[in-house]
Amino acid sequence: MKKSEVPQDKGRVSEKGSRELYYAVDDNGEYTTALSTGWEAKNIVQDHTMQEIQERIDQAQEDVKAGVVSPIVYFMELRRMDWQIVSDYTGMWKWRIKRHAKPMVFAKLNDKVLQRYADTFEITIEELKNYRGEECK
């Protein structure tokens, strides 16, 4: 893309008073950098992504409320984590975390294990243990 064609659409970047750096070709045909205030196509993709993330959070909340999954799943979605990231932060195997996602297993976890999850999700053990699918952010 030519430097003069770098998009300058209104977007999330310009709302925050900053700009993004893009690589473009200048008048001499050489690569250079150019600043952009936003790009409509990127805004559409970001809106769609945020909508999907919110749907996953809402589904996890409903699943906790229905007793299908433990609060681990909700807080994992809320913090935009996946099984591998939770595994990396807690130092536990993924299969173990997936097992803890079952309400019956979660109910039997000791405070030492719960503390690892609480630290990962940046909440207290009480918030983790007592979460029942209510609004929490």
N, C-alpha and C. Protein backbone atom coordinates (compact mmCIF):
# COMPACT_ATOMS: atom_id res chain seq x y z
N MET A 1 0.85 -1.16 0.00
CA MET A 1 0.00 0.00 0.00
C MET A 1 0.90 1.23 0.00
N LYS A 2 0.46 2.23 -0.72
CA LYS A 2 1.22 3.47 -0.80
C LYS A 2 1.00 4.28 0.48
N LYS A 3 1.98 5.08 0.80
CA LYS A 3 1.90 5.88 2.02
C LYS A 3 0.67 6.77 2.02
N SER A 4 0.29 7.28 0.87
CA SER A 4 -0.89 8.15 0.77
C SER A 4 -2.20 7.37 0.92
N GLU A 5 -2.15 6.04 0.83
CA GLU A 5 -3.34 5.20 0.93
C GLU A 5 -3.54 4.60 2.32
N VAL A 6 -2.65 4.89 3.25
CA VAL A 6 -2.79 4.36 4.60
C VAL A 6 -4.11 4.87 5.19
N PRO A 7 -4.98 3.95 5.64
CA PRO A 7 -6.32 4.35 6.10
C PRO A 7 -6.28 5.32 7.28
N GLN A 8 -7.22 6.26 7.24
CA GLN A 8 -7.35 7.24 8.31
C GLN A 8 -8.81 7.29 8.79
N ASP A 9 -9.44 6.11 8.89
CA ASP A 9 -10.83 6.03 9.33
C ASP A 9 -10.92 6.23 10.84
N LYS A 10 -12.07 6.69 11.28
CA LYS A 10 -12.31 6.80 12.72
C LYS A 10 -12.36 5.39 13.28
N GLY A 11 -11.74 5.20 14.42
CA GLY A 11 -11.74 3.87 15.04
C GLY A 11 -11.36 3.93 16.49
N ARG A 12 -11.20 2.76 17.08
CA ARG A 12 -10.86 2.66 18.50
C ARG A 12 -9.51 3.31 18.81
N VAL A 13 -8.61 3.26 17.85
CA VAL A 13 -7.29 3.85 18.06
C VAL A 13 -7.40 5.36 18.21
N SER A 14 -8.14 6.00 17.30
CA SER A 14 -8.25 7.46 17.33
C SER A 14 -9.07 7.93 18.53
N GLU A 15 -10.01 7.08 19.02
CA GLU A 15 -10.81 7.44 20.19
C GLU A 15 -9.93 7.60 21.43
N LYS A 16 -8.84 6.88 21.45
CA LYS A 16 -7.93 6.93 22.60
C LYS A 16 -6.82 7.95 22.39
N GLY A 17 -6.88 8.65 21.27
CA GLY A 17 -5.89 9.70 21.02
C GLY A 17 -4.56 9.19 20.54
N SER A 18 -4.50 7.96 20.07
CA SER A 18 -3.23 7.44 19.57
C SER A 18 -3.40 7.00 18.12
N ARG A 19 -2.33 6.53 17.54
CA ARG A 19 -2.34 6.09 16.15
C ARG A 19 -1.56 4.79 16.04
N GLU A 20 -1.83 4.05 14.96
CA GLU A 20 -1.13 2.80 14.71
C GLU A 20 -0.07 3.00 13.64
N LEU A 21 0.96 2.20 13.73
CA LEU A 21 2.06 2.26 12.78
C LEU A 21 1.84 1.22 11.69
N TYR A 22 1.92 1.64 10.43
CA TYR A 22 1.80 0.74 9.28
C TYR A 22 3.04 0.89 8.41
N TYR A 23 3.34 -0.16 7.67
CA TYR A 23 4.41 -0.07 6.67
C TYR A 23 3.76 0.24 5.33
N ALA A 24 4.38 1.13 4.60
CA ALA A 24 3.84 1.56 3.31
C ALA A 24 5.01 1.87 2.36
N VAL A 25 4.66 2.05 1.11
CA VAL A 25 5.67 2.37 0.10
C VAL A 25 5.59 3.88 -0.17
N ASP A 26 6.73 4.54 -0.13
CA ASP A 26 6.75 5.99 -0.38
C ASP A 26 6.80 6.29 -1.88
N ASP A 27 6.93 7.55 -2.23
CA ASP A 27 6.95 7.98 -3.63
C ASP A 27 8.15 7.42 -4.41
N ASN A 28 9.20 7.07 -3.70
CA ASN A 28 10.40 6.52 -4.34
C ASN A 28 10.35 4.99 -4.44
N GLY A 29 9.24 4.37 -3.98
CA GLY A 29 9.10 2.92 -4.04
C GLY A 29 9.80 2.18 -2.91
N GLU A 30 10.20 2.92 -1.89
CA GLU A 30 10.89 2.32 -0.75
C GLU A 30 9.93 2.17 0.42
N TYR A 31 10.17 1.13 1.22
CA TYR A 31 9.33 0.92 2.39
C TYR A 31 9.63 1.96 3.46
N THR A 32 8.55 2.44 4.05
CA THR A 32 8.64 3.43 5.12
C THR A 32 7.49 3.18 6.08
N THR A 33 7.39 3.97 7.09
CA THR A 33 6.29 3.82 8.04
C THR A 33 5.33 5.00 7.91
N ALA A 34 4.07 4.73 8.27
CA ALA A 34 3.05 5.78 8.24
C ALA A 34 2.11 5.55 9.42
N LEU A 35 1.58 6.62 9.96
CA LEU A 35 0.65 6.51 11.09
C LEU A 35 -0.78 6.53 10.59
N SER A 36 -1.62 5.75 11.25
CA SER A 36 -3.03 5.66 10.88
C SER A 36 -3.90 5.90 12.11
N THR A 37 -5.03 6.58 11.93
CA THR A 37 -5.97 6.79 13.04
C THR A 37 -6.97 5.65 13.14
N GLY A 38 -6.99 4.74 12.16
CA GLY A 38 -7.89 3.60 12.21
C GLY A 38 -8.20 3.07 10.83
N TRP A 39 -8.83 1.89 10.82
CA TRP A 39 -9.15 1.25 9.57
C TRP A 39 -10.49 0.56 9.73
N GLU A 40 -11.47 0.92 8.92
CA GLU A 40 -12.83 0.42 9.07
C GLU A 40 -12.88 -1.10 9.06
N ALA A 41 -12.14 -1.74 8.17
CA ALA A 41 -12.14 -3.21 8.09
C ALA A 41 -11.66 -3.82 9.41
N LYS A 42 -10.65 -3.25 9.99
CA LYS A 42 -10.13 -3.73 11.27
C LYS A 42 -11.16 -3.52 12.38
N ASN A 43 -11.87 -2.40 12.36
CA ASN A 43 -12.91 -2.13 13.36
C ASN A 43 -14.01 -3.18 13.29
N ILE A 44 -14.41 -3.56 12.09
CA ILE A 44 -15.46 -4.57 11.92
C ILE A 44 -15.01 -5.90 12.50
N VAL A 45 -13.80 -6.30 12.21
CA VAL A 45 -13.27 -7.56 12.73
C VAL A 45 -13.18 -7.52 14.26
N GLN A 46 -12.71 -6.41 14.81
CA GLN A 46 -12.61 -6.29 16.26
C GLN A 46 -13.98 -6.32 16.92
N ASP A 47 -14.96 -5.67 16.32
CA ASP A 47 -16.33 -5.71 16.87
C ASP A 47 -16.86 -7.14 16.88
N HIS A 48 -16.64 -7.86 15.79
CA HIS A 48 -17.10 -9.24 15.70
C HIS A 48 -16.40 -10.12 16.73
N THR A 49 -15.11 -9.94 16.88
CA THR A 49 -14.35 -10.71 17.86
C THR A 49 -14.84 -10.44 19.27
N MET A 50 -15.06 -9.18 19.60
CA MET A 50 -15.53 -8.84 20.95
C MET A 50 -16.93 -9.41 21.20
N GLN A 51 -17.76 -9.43 20.18
CA GLN A 51 -19.10 -10.01 20.30
C GLN A 51 -19.01 -11.52 20.58
N GLU A 52 -18.12 -12.21 19.88
CA GLU A 52 -17.94 -13.64 20.10
C GLU A 52 -17.40 -13.93 21.50
N ILE A 53 -16.47 -13.12 21.95
CA ILE A 53 -15.91 -13.30 23.29
C ILE A 53 -17.01 -13.11 24.33
N GLN A 54 -17.85 -12.09 24.16
CA GLN A 54 -18.93 -11.85 25.11
C GLN A 54 -19.93 -13.00 25.11
N GLU A 55 -20.20 -13.57 23.95
CA GLU A 55 -21.11 -14.72 23.87
C GLU A 55 -20.54 -15.91 24.62
N ARG A 56 -19.24 -16.13 24.53
CA ARG A 56 -18.60 -17.23 25.26
C ARG A 56 -18.67 -17.00 26.77
N ILE A 57 -18.45 -15.76 27.19
CA ILE A 57 -18.55 -15.43 28.61
C ILE A 57 -19.97 -15.66 29.11
N ASP A 58 -20.95 -15.19 28.34
CA ASP A 58 -22.36 -15.36 28.72
C ASP A 58 -22.74 -16.83 28.79
N GLN A 59 -22.25 -17.63 27.84
CA GLN A 59 -22.54 -19.07 27.84
C GLN A 59 -21.93 -19.74 29.06
N ALA A 60 -20.70 -19.39 29.39
CA ALA A 60 -20.04 -19.96 30.56
C ALA A 60 -20.80 -19.59 31.83
N GLN A 61 -21.28 -18.36 31.90
CA GLN A 61 -22.06 -17.91 33.05
C GLN A 61 -23.33 -18.74 33.19
N GLU A 62 -24.02 -18.96 32.08
CA GLU A 62 -25.24 -19.77 32.10
C GLU A 62 -24.93 -21.22 32.47
N ASP A 63 -23.81 -21.74 31.99
CA ASP A 63 -23.43 -23.12 32.30
C ASP A 63 -23.12 -23.29 33.79
N VAL A 64 -22.50 -22.29 34.39
CA VAL A 64 -22.24 -22.34 35.83
C VAL A 64 -23.56 -22.30 36.58
N LYS A 65 -24.44 -21.41 36.17
CA LYS A 65 -25.76 -21.27 36.79
C LYS A 65 -26.55 -22.58 36.72
N ALA A 66 -26.42 -23.28 35.60
CA ALA A 66 -27.15 -24.53 35.39
C ALA A 66 -26.45 -25.73 36.03
N GLY A 67 -25.24 -25.51 36.58
CA GLY A 67 -24.52 -26.60 37.21
C GLY A 67 -23.83 -27.54 36.24
N VAL A 68 -23.61 -27.07 35.02
CA VAL A 68 -22.96 -27.89 33.99
C VAL A 68 -21.44 -27.84 34.12
N VAL A 69 -20.90 -26.68 34.50
CA VAL A 69 -19.46 -26.50 34.66
C VAL A 69 -19.18 -25.77 35.97
N SER A 70 -17.93 -25.83 36.39
CA SER A 70 -17.53 -25.12 37.60
C SER A 70 -17.18 -23.67 37.27
N PRO A 71 -17.04 -22.82 38.28
CA PRO A 71 -16.67 -21.42 38.05
C PRO A 71 -15.33 -21.23 37.33
N ILE A 72 -14.50 -22.25 37.31
CA ILE A 72 -13.22 -22.15 36.61
C ILE A 72 -13.44 -21.77 35.16
N VAL A 73 -14.44 -22.38 34.53
CA VAL A 73 -14.71 -22.12 33.11
C VAL A 73 -15.13 -20.67 32.90
N TYR A 74 -15.99 -20.16 33.78
CA TYR A 74 -16.44 -18.77 33.64
C TYR A 74 -15.26 -17.80 33.77
N PHE A 75 -14.46 -17.96 34.81
CA PHE A 75 -13.36 -17.02 35.02
C PHE A 75 -12.29 -17.16 33.94
N MET A 76 -12.14 -18.37 33.41
CA MET A 76 -11.22 -18.58 32.30
C MET A 76 -11.68 -17.78 31.08
N GLU A 77 -12.97 -17.84 30.78
CA GLU A 77 -13.51 -17.07 29.65
C GLU A 77 -13.46 -15.57 29.93
N LEU A 78 -13.81 -15.19 31.14
CA LEU A 78 -13.82 -13.77 31.51
C LEU A 78 -12.44 -13.14 31.35
N ARG A 79 -11.40 -13.90 31.68
CA ARG A 79 -10.03 -13.40 31.58
C ARG A 79 -9.41 -13.69 30.22
N ARG A 80 -10.24 -14.18 29.28
CA ARG A 80 -9.80 -14.47 27.91
C ARG A 80 -8.64 -15.45 27.89
N MET A 81 -8.79 -16.52 28.65
CA MET A 81 -7.78 -17.56 28.72
C MET A 81 -8.32 -18.84 28.08
N ASP A 82 -7.41 -19.74 27.74
CA ASP A 82 -7.81 -21.06 27.30
C ASP A 82 -7.17 -22.08 28.25
N TRP A 83 -7.42 -23.37 27.99
CA TRP A 83 -6.92 -24.41 28.89
C TRP A 83 -5.41 -24.34 29.05
N GLN A 84 -4.70 -24.11 27.94
CA GLN A 84 -3.24 -24.07 27.99
C GLN A 84 -2.73 -22.89 28.82
N ILE A 85 -3.34 -21.74 28.67
CA ILE A 85 -2.90 -20.57 29.44
C ILE A 85 -3.14 -20.79 30.93
N VAL A 86 -4.31 -21.33 31.28
CA VAL A 86 -4.59 -21.62 32.69
C VAL A 86 -3.58 -22.64 33.21
N SER A 87 -3.26 -23.62 32.39
CA SER A 87 -2.27 -24.62 32.77
C SER A 87 -0.91 -23.97 33.03
N ASP A 88 -0.51 -23.09 32.15
CA ASP A 88 0.78 -22.40 32.31
C ASP A 88 0.81 -21.55 33.58
N TYR A 89 -0.27 -20.84 33.86
CA TYR A 89 -0.31 -19.97 35.04
C TYR A 89 -0.39 -20.75 36.34
N THR A 90 -1.15 -21.85 36.34
CA THR A 90 -1.33 -22.61 37.58
C THR A 90 -0.25 -23.65 37.80
N GLY A 91 0.41 -24.05 36.72
CA GLY A 91 1.41 -25.11 36.82
C GLY A 91 0.78 -26.49 36.90
N MET A 92 -0.49 -26.60 36.52
CA MET A 92 -1.18 -27.89 36.52
C MET A 92 -1.39 -28.37 35.09
N TRP A 93 -1.50 -29.68 34.93
CA TRP A 93 -1.76 -30.26 33.62
C TRP A 93 -3.15 -29.85 33.13
N LYS A 94 -3.28 -29.72 31.80
CA LYS A 94 -4.57 -29.35 31.21
C LYS A 94 -5.66 -30.35 31.57
N TRP A 95 -5.34 -31.65 31.54
CA TRP A 95 -6.36 -32.66 31.83
C TRP A 95 -6.89 -32.49 33.26
N ARG A 96 -6.02 -32.05 34.14
CA ARG A 96 -6.42 -31.85 35.54
C ARG A 96 -7.36 -30.64 35.66
N ILE A 97 -7.05 -29.58 34.94
CA ILE A 97 -7.89 -28.39 34.95
C ILE A 97 -9.26 -28.70 34.36
N LYS A 98 -9.27 -29.46 33.25
CA LYS A 98 -10.54 -29.86 32.65
C LYS A 98 -11.36 -30.70 33.62
N ARG A 99 -10.69 -31.51 34.39
CA ARG A 99 -11.38 -32.32 35.41
C ARG A 99 -11.96 -31.41 36.49
N HIS A 100 -11.20 -30.39 36.88
CA HIS A 100 -11.67 -29.44 37.90
C HIS A 100 -12.83 -28.58 37.38
N ALA A 101 -13.03 -28.57 36.07
CA ALA A 101 -14.14 -27.82 35.48
C ALA A 101 -15.48 -28.51 35.72
N LYS A 102 -15.42 -29.72 36.23
CA LYS A 102 -16.65 -30.46 36.56
C LYS A 102 -17.09 -30.04 37.97
N PRO A 103 -18.35 -29.64 38.12
CA PRO A 103 -18.82 -29.15 39.42
C PRO A 103 -18.59 -30.11 40.60
N MET A 104 -18.78 -31.39 40.37
CA MET A 104 -18.60 -32.38 41.46
C MET A 104 -17.15 -32.44 41.92
N VAL A 105 -16.22 -32.36 40.99
CA VAL A 105 -14.79 -32.39 41.32
C VAL A 105 -14.39 -31.07 41.95
N PHE A 106 -14.86 -29.96 41.38
CA PHE A 106 -14.53 -28.63 41.89
C PHE A 106 -14.93 -28.48 43.36
N ALA A 107 -16.07 -29.02 43.73
CA ALA A 107 -16.58 -28.91 45.10
C ALA A 107 -15.66 -29.56 46.12
N LYS A 108 -14.83 -30.49 45.68
CA LYS A 108 -13.94 -31.21 46.59
C LYS A 108 -12.51 -30.66 46.63
N LEU A 109 -12.24 -29.61 45.87
CA LEU A 109 -10.88 -29.05 45.82
C LEU A 109 -10.52 -28.38 47.13
N ASN A 110 -9.26 -28.55 47.54
CA ASN A 110 -8.80 -27.91 48.77
C ASN A 110 -8.37 -26.46 48.49
N ASP A 111 -8.18 -25.72 49.55
CA ASP A 111 -7.86 -24.30 49.42
C ASP A 111 -6.52 -24.04 48.72
N LYS A 112 -5.59 -24.96 48.85
CA LYS A 112 -4.29 -24.78 48.19
C LYS A 112 -4.46 -24.77 46.67
N VAL A 113 -5.24 -25.70 46.14
CA VAL A 113 -5.49 -25.75 44.70
C VAL A 113 -6.35 -24.55 44.28
N LEU A 114 -7.36 -24.24 45.06
CA LEU A 114 -8.22 -23.10 44.75
C LEU A 114 -7.44 -21.79 44.73
N GLN A 115 -6.44 -21.69 45.60
CA GLN A 115 -5.61 -20.48 45.64
C GLN A 115 -4.84 -20.30 44.34
N ARG A 116 -4.39 -21.39 43.76
CA ARG A 116 -3.68 -21.31 42.48
C ARG A 116 -4.60 -20.74 41.39
N TYR A 117 -5.84 -21.21 41.40
CA TYR A 117 -6.81 -20.67 40.44
C TYR A 117 -7.13 -19.21 40.74
N ALA A 118 -7.34 -18.91 42.01
CA ALA A 118 -7.68 -17.53 42.40
C ALA A 118 -6.56 -16.58 42.00
N ASP A 119 -5.33 -16.97 42.22
CA ASP A 119 -4.19 -16.14 41.82
C ASP A 119 -4.16 -15.95 40.30
N THR A 120 -4.44 -17.01 39.57
CA THR A 120 -4.45 -16.96 38.11
C THR A 120 -5.52 -16.00 37.60
N PHE A 121 -6.71 -16.05 38.22
CA PHE A 121 -7.83 -15.22 37.76
C PHE A 121 -7.89 -13.86 38.47
N GLU A 122 -6.95 -13.62 39.38
CA GLU A 122 -6.86 -12.37 40.14
C GLU A 122 -8.14 -12.09 40.92
N ILE A 123 -8.60 -13.11 41.63
CA ILE A 123 -9.77 -13.01 42.49
C ILE A 123 -9.43 -13.70 43.81
N THR A 124 -10.36 -13.65 44.75
CA THR A 124 -10.15 -14.34 46.02
C THR A 124 -10.70 -15.76 45.93
N ILE A 125 -10.26 -16.60 46.85
CA ILE A 125 -10.79 -17.97 46.92
C ILE A 125 -12.30 -17.93 47.15
N GLU A 126 -12.75 -17.01 47.99
CA GLU A 126 -14.18 -16.90 48.29
C GLU A 126 -14.98 -16.56 47.03
N GLU A 127 -14.46 -15.64 46.22
CA GLU A 127 -15.15 -15.30 44.97
C GLU A 127 -15.23 -16.52 44.05
N LEU A 128 -14.17 -17.28 43.99
CA LEU A 128 -14.15 -18.48 43.15
C LEU A 128 -15.11 -19.54 43.67
N LYS A 129 -15.02 -19.83 44.96
CA LYS A 129 -15.86 -20.87 45.56
C LYS A 129 -17.34 -20.52 45.55
N ASN A 130 -17.65 -19.24 45.72
CA ASN A 130 -19.05 -18.82 45.86
C ASN A 130 -19.70 -18.33 44.58
N TYR A 131 -18.99 -18.36 43.47
CA TYR A 131 -19.58 -17.88 42.22
C TYR A 131 -20.64 -18.88 41.76
N ARG A 132 -21.85 -18.36 41.50
CA ARG A 132 -22.97 -19.21 41.12
C ARG A 132 -23.63 -18.78 39.80
N GLY A 133 -22.93 -17.96 39.02
CA GLY A 133 -23.47 -17.56 37.73
C GLY A 133 -24.08 -16.18 37.72
N GLU A 134 -23.81 -15.39 38.76
CA GLU A 134 -24.31 -14.02 38.79
C GLU A 134 -23.36 -13.15 37.98
N GLU A 135 -23.80 -11.94 37.68
CA GLU A 135 -22.96 -10.99 36.95
C GLU A 135 -21.73 -10.68 37.79
N CYS A 136 -20.55 -10.77 37.16
CA CYS A 136 -19.30 -10.55 37.87
C CYS A 136 -18.26 -10.06 36.87
N LYS A 137 -17.75 -8.85 37.07
CA LYS A 137 -16.71 -8.35 36.15
C LYS A 137 -15.83 -7.46 36.86
